[in-house]
N, C-alpha and C. Protein backbone atom coordinates (compact mmCIF):
# COMPACT_ATOMS: atom_id res chain seq x y z
N MET A 1 -41.35 -5.91 3.45
CA MET A 1 -41.51 -4.80 2.36
C MET A 1 -40.17 -4.66 1.97
N VAL A 2 -40.11 -4.15 0.71
CA VAL A 2 -38.87 -3.78 -0.11
C VAL A 2 -38.66 -2.21 -0.38
N ASP A 3 -37.56 -1.76 -0.05
CA ASP A 3 -37.45 -0.29 -0.27
C ASP A 3 -36.76 -0.38 -1.54
N ALA A 4 -37.77 0.43 -2.59
CA ALA A 4 -37.54 0.40 -4.04
C ALA A 4 -36.92 1.85 -4.53
N ARG A 5 -36.69 2.59 -3.57
CA ARG A 5 -35.88 3.94 -3.89
C ARG A 5 -34.49 3.58 -4.29
N PRO A 6 -34.18 4.23 -5.32
CA PRO A 6 -32.79 4.06 -5.96
C PRO A 6 -31.85 4.80 -5.00
N PRO A 7 -30.67 4.36 -4.88
CA PRO A 7 -29.71 5.06 -3.90
C PRO A 7 -29.24 6.40 -4.33
N THR A 8 -29.07 7.11 -3.48
CA THR A 8 -28.44 8.58 -3.85
C THR A 8 -27.08 8.49 -3.92
N PRO A 9 -26.39 9.11 -4.96
CA PRO A 9 -24.72 9.25 -4.98
C PRO A 9 -24.48 10.10 -4.02
N TRP A 10 -23.22 9.89 -3.47
CA TRP A 10 -22.61 10.79 -2.50
C TRP A 10 -21.80 11.83 -3.38
N VAL A 11 -22.55 12.78 -3.74
CA VAL A 11 -22.10 13.92 -4.84
C VAL A 11 -20.81 14.58 -4.13
N GLU A 12 -20.94 14.91 -3.12
CA GLU A 12 -19.68 15.77 -2.34
C GLU A 12 -18.48 14.94 -2.43
N LEU A 13 -18.73 13.54 -1.84
CA LEU A 13 -17.38 12.74 -2.17
C LEU A 13 -16.74 12.73 -3.37
N ILE A 14 -17.72 12.68 -4.45
CA ILE A 14 -17.11 12.51 -5.88
C ILE A 14 -16.56 13.87 -6.13
N ARG A 15 -17.14 15.07 -5.76
CA ARG A 15 -16.54 16.48 -6.00
C ARG A 15 -15.30 16.55 -5.48
N LEU A 16 -15.24 16.10 -4.12
CA LEU A 16 -13.87 16.53 -3.42
C LEU A 16 -12.85 15.32 -3.92
N ARG A 17 -13.23 14.35 -4.37
CA ARG A 17 -12.12 13.43 -4.94
C ARG A 17 -11.65 14.04 -6.34
N ASP A 18 -12.62 14.54 -7.08
CA ASP A 18 -12.26 15.10 -8.42
C ASP A 18 -11.38 16.20 -8.34
N ARG A 19 -11.76 17.19 -7.27
CA ARG A 19 -10.81 18.23 -6.75
C ARG A 19 -9.51 17.93 -6.55
N ALA A 20 -9.26 16.76 -5.76
CA ALA A 20 -8.01 16.21 -5.38
C ALA A 20 -7.18 15.82 -6.71
N LYS A 21 -7.93 15.63 -7.90
CA LYS A 21 -7.42 15.05 -8.90
C LYS A 21 -7.03 13.61 -8.66
N LEU A 22 -8.05 12.73 -8.10
CA LEU A 22 -7.61 11.35 -7.73
C LEU A 22 -8.86 10.38 -8.39
N GLU A 23 -8.22 9.29 -8.96
CA GLU A 23 -9.24 8.34 -9.46
C GLU A 23 -9.78 7.63 -8.20
N PRO A 24 -10.92 7.00 -8.55
CA PRO A 24 -11.50 6.32 -7.33
C PRO A 24 -10.77 5.14 -6.88
N ARG A 25 -9.98 4.53 -7.53
CA ARG A 25 -8.99 3.38 -7.24
C ARG A 25 -7.79 4.11 -6.19
N GLN A 26 -7.35 5.15 -6.69
CA GLN A 26 -6.37 5.83 -5.85
C GLN A 26 -6.81 6.43 -4.57
N LEU A 27 -8.10 6.83 -4.56
CA LEU A 27 -8.65 7.41 -3.36
C LEU A 27 -8.88 6.22 -2.39
N ALA A 28 -9.30 5.08 -2.91
CA ALA A 28 -9.57 3.83 -2.04
C ALA A 28 -8.31 3.42 -1.49
N ALA A 29 -7.09 3.27 -2.30
CA ALA A 29 -5.94 2.87 -1.74
C ALA A 29 -5.26 3.76 -0.76
N ALA A 30 -5.57 5.18 -0.94
CA ALA A 30 -5.03 6.05 -0.11
C ALA A 30 -5.79 6.09 1.45
N VAL A 31 -7.00 5.52 1.49
CA VAL A 31 -7.78 5.27 2.82
C VAL A 31 -7.75 3.91 3.23
N ASN A 32 -7.23 3.01 2.41
CA ASN A 32 -6.94 1.80 2.58
C ASN A 32 -8.27 0.88 2.76
N ILE A 33 -9.00 1.15 1.60
CA ILE A 33 -10.12 0.15 1.32
C ILE A 33 -10.18 -0.33 0.02
N GLY A 34 -11.03 -1.30 -0.39
CA GLY A 34 -10.98 -1.83 -1.68
C GLY A 34 -11.73 -0.95 -2.61
N PRO A 35 -11.42 -1.07 -4.00
CA PRO A 35 -12.19 -0.35 -5.06
C PRO A 35 -13.67 -0.49 -5.01
N THR A 36 -14.04 -1.71 -4.68
CA THR A 36 -15.64 -1.98 -4.73
C THR A 36 -16.05 -1.38 -3.51
N HIS A 37 -15.46 -1.24 -2.28
CA HIS A 37 -16.09 -0.42 -1.15
C HIS A 37 -16.10 1.08 -1.50
N MET A 38 -15.14 1.61 -2.23
CA MET A 38 -15.29 2.98 -2.58
C MET A 38 -16.53 3.14 -3.44
N SER A 39 -16.58 2.29 -4.55
CA SER A 39 -17.77 2.50 -5.57
C SER A 39 -19.12 2.41 -4.70
N TYR A 40 -19.29 1.43 -3.54
CA TYR A 40 -20.46 1.47 -2.84
C TYR A 40 -20.65 2.77 -2.14
N LEU A 41 -19.59 3.37 -1.46
CA LEU A 41 -19.71 4.72 -0.72
C LEU A 41 -20.00 5.85 -1.94
N GLU A 42 -19.60 5.85 -3.02
CA GLU A 42 -19.69 6.90 -4.08
C GLU A 42 -21.19 6.75 -4.40
N ARG A 43 -21.75 5.52 -4.61
CA ARG A 43 -22.77 5.29 -5.09
C ARG A 43 -24.16 5.35 -4.36
N GLY A 44 -23.70 5.67 -2.68
CA GLY A 44 -24.70 5.75 -1.65
C GLY A 44 -25.23 4.57 -1.47
N LEU A 45 -24.57 3.40 -1.80
CA LEU A 45 -25.03 2.07 -1.21
C LEU A 45 -24.61 1.71 0.31
N ARG A 46 -23.62 2.34 0.78
CA ARG A 46 -23.01 1.93 1.99
C ARG A 46 -22.70 3.37 2.75
N ARG A 47 -22.41 3.19 3.91
CA ARG A 47 -22.04 4.32 4.72
C ARG A 47 -20.40 3.98 5.45
N PRO A 48 -19.64 4.86 5.46
CA PRO A 48 -18.48 4.40 6.05
C PRO A 48 -18.38 4.40 7.26
N SER A 49 -17.49 3.45 7.92
CA SER A 49 -17.26 3.51 9.29
C SER A 49 -16.61 4.67 9.77
N ASN A 50 -16.61 5.05 10.89
CA ASN A 50 -15.96 6.23 11.47
C ASN A 50 -14.40 6.34 11.11
N ALA A 51 -13.85 5.23 11.09
CA ALA A 51 -12.47 5.19 10.86
C ALA A 51 -12.19 5.53 9.42
N VAL A 52 -13.25 4.97 8.44
CA VAL A 52 -12.74 5.31 7.23
C VAL A 52 -13.27 6.67 6.72
N LEU A 53 -14.39 7.25 7.52
CA LEU A 53 -14.69 8.55 7.24
C LEU A 53 -13.44 9.55 7.51
N TYR A 54 -13.01 9.23 8.75
CA TYR A 54 -11.83 10.17 9.02
C TYR A 54 -10.56 10.12 8.03
N ARG A 55 -10.41 8.84 7.56
CA ARG A 55 -9.18 8.64 6.57
C ARG A 55 -9.82 9.41 5.32
N LEU A 56 -10.90 9.29 4.91
CA LEU A 56 -11.24 10.08 3.71
C LEU A 56 -11.22 11.63 3.91
N ALA A 57 -11.60 12.01 5.01
CA ALA A 57 -11.48 13.49 5.30
C ALA A 57 -10.10 14.00 5.48
N THR A 58 -9.30 13.10 5.84
CA THR A 58 -7.77 13.51 6.00
C THR A 58 -7.13 13.50 4.60
N VAL A 59 -7.55 12.62 3.83
CA VAL A 59 -6.88 12.49 2.44
C VAL A 59 -7.52 13.64 1.64
N LEU A 60 -8.89 14.07 1.66
CA LEU A 60 -9.51 15.02 1.08
C LEU A 60 -9.35 16.38 1.65
N ASN A 61 -8.60 16.75 2.65
CA ASN A 61 -8.33 17.92 3.30
C ASN A 61 -9.83 18.67 3.75
N ILE A 62 -10.64 17.84 4.57
CA ILE A 62 -11.77 18.38 4.94
C ILE A 62 -12.03 17.87 6.34
N ASP A 63 -12.70 18.44 7.22
CA ASP A 63 -13.18 18.18 8.55
C ASP A 63 -14.07 17.01 8.37
N ALA A 64 -13.91 16.07 9.24
CA ALA A 64 -14.51 14.89 9.13
C ALA A 64 -16.08 15.10 9.41
N SER A 65 -16.48 16.06 10.38
CA SER A 65 -17.84 16.32 10.47
C SER A 65 -18.59 16.86 9.40
N GLU A 66 -17.74 17.61 8.58
CA GLU A 66 -18.50 18.37 7.47
C GLU A 66 -18.67 17.26 6.40
N LEU A 67 -17.71 16.42 6.31
CA LEU A 67 -17.81 15.33 5.39
C LEU A 67 -19.17 14.40 5.61
N ARG A 68 -19.18 14.33 7.07
CA ARG A 68 -20.39 13.34 7.38
C ARG A 68 -21.74 14.01 7.05
N GLU A 69 -21.82 15.39 7.20
CA GLU A 69 -23.03 15.98 6.91
C GLU A 69 -23.47 16.08 5.39
N THR A 70 -22.65 15.70 4.71
CA THR A 70 -22.74 15.42 3.13
C THR A 70 -23.41 13.98 2.85
N MET A 71 -23.16 13.13 3.85
CA MET A 71 -23.43 11.66 3.31
C MET A 71 -24.91 11.44 3.04
N PRO A 72 -25.18 10.73 1.83
CA PRO A 72 -26.64 10.31 1.63
C PRO A 72 -27.11 9.36 2.50
N THR A 73 -28.24 9.20 2.80
CA THR A 73 -28.79 8.04 3.63
C THR A 73 -29.19 6.73 2.68
N PRO A 74 -28.29 5.74 2.85
CA PRO A 74 -28.46 4.63 1.91
C PRO A 74 -29.82 4.03 2.09
N PRO A 75 -30.39 3.39 0.88
CA PRO A 75 -31.64 2.60 1.04
C PRO A 75 -31.62 1.56 2.13
N THR A 76 -32.69 1.50 2.62
CA THR A 76 -32.64 0.44 3.71
C THR A 76 -32.38 -0.95 3.05
N GLN A 77 -31.97 -1.88 4.04
CA GLN A 77 -31.77 -3.26 3.49
C GLN A 77 -33.13 -3.99 3.16
N ARG A 78 -33.03 -4.64 2.17
CA ARG A 78 -34.21 -5.41 1.99
C ARG A 78 -34.69 -6.45 2.96
N ARG A 79 -35.94 -6.32 3.18
CA ARG A 79 -36.39 -7.53 4.26
C ARG A 79 -37.31 -8.21 3.46
N TYR A 80 -37.27 -9.70 3.62
CA TYR A 80 -38.02 -10.60 2.90
C TYR A 80 -38.96 -11.15 3.93
N LEU A 81 -40.24 -11.32 3.32
CA LEU A 81 -41.37 -11.86 4.19
C LEU A 81 -41.20 -13.23 4.25
N LYS A 82 -41.75 -13.79 5.42
CA LYS A 82 -41.82 -15.21 5.38
C LYS A 82 -42.91 -15.63 4.66
N PRO A 83 -42.91 -17.02 4.40
CA PRO A 83 -43.92 -17.55 3.45
C PRO A 83 -45.28 -17.43 4.26
N GLU A 84 -45.35 -17.55 5.55
CA GLU A 84 -46.81 -17.47 5.94
C GLU A 84 -47.28 -15.81 5.98
N ASP A 85 -46.20 -15.03 6.04
CA ASP A 85 -46.66 -13.72 5.90
C ASP A 85 -47.22 -13.03 4.73
N ALA A 86 -46.75 -13.91 3.62
CA ALA A 86 -47.15 -13.37 2.32
C ALA A 86 -48.41 -13.73 1.83
N ALA A 87 -49.30 -14.45 2.72
CA ALA A 87 -50.66 -14.77 2.22
C ALA A 87 -51.52 -13.48 2.75
């Protein structure tokens, strides 16, 4: 079964980044992750590890638990049917 739902952007992360007047690349560098990883987080395709969540919260001046509550749930990873299950 494939989850066809589009990902939900992490609107609060984007809002907080904008409020801090940071570009995505700047925030990525500040929390020691790559710009692609930051893009995945903002687009709701991935969830941050606890370490990344804590660093994001520190840079954005917000409590980590508050930031965690705003995270969207990413789409489930696609599962592929075995050829014998497809029939």
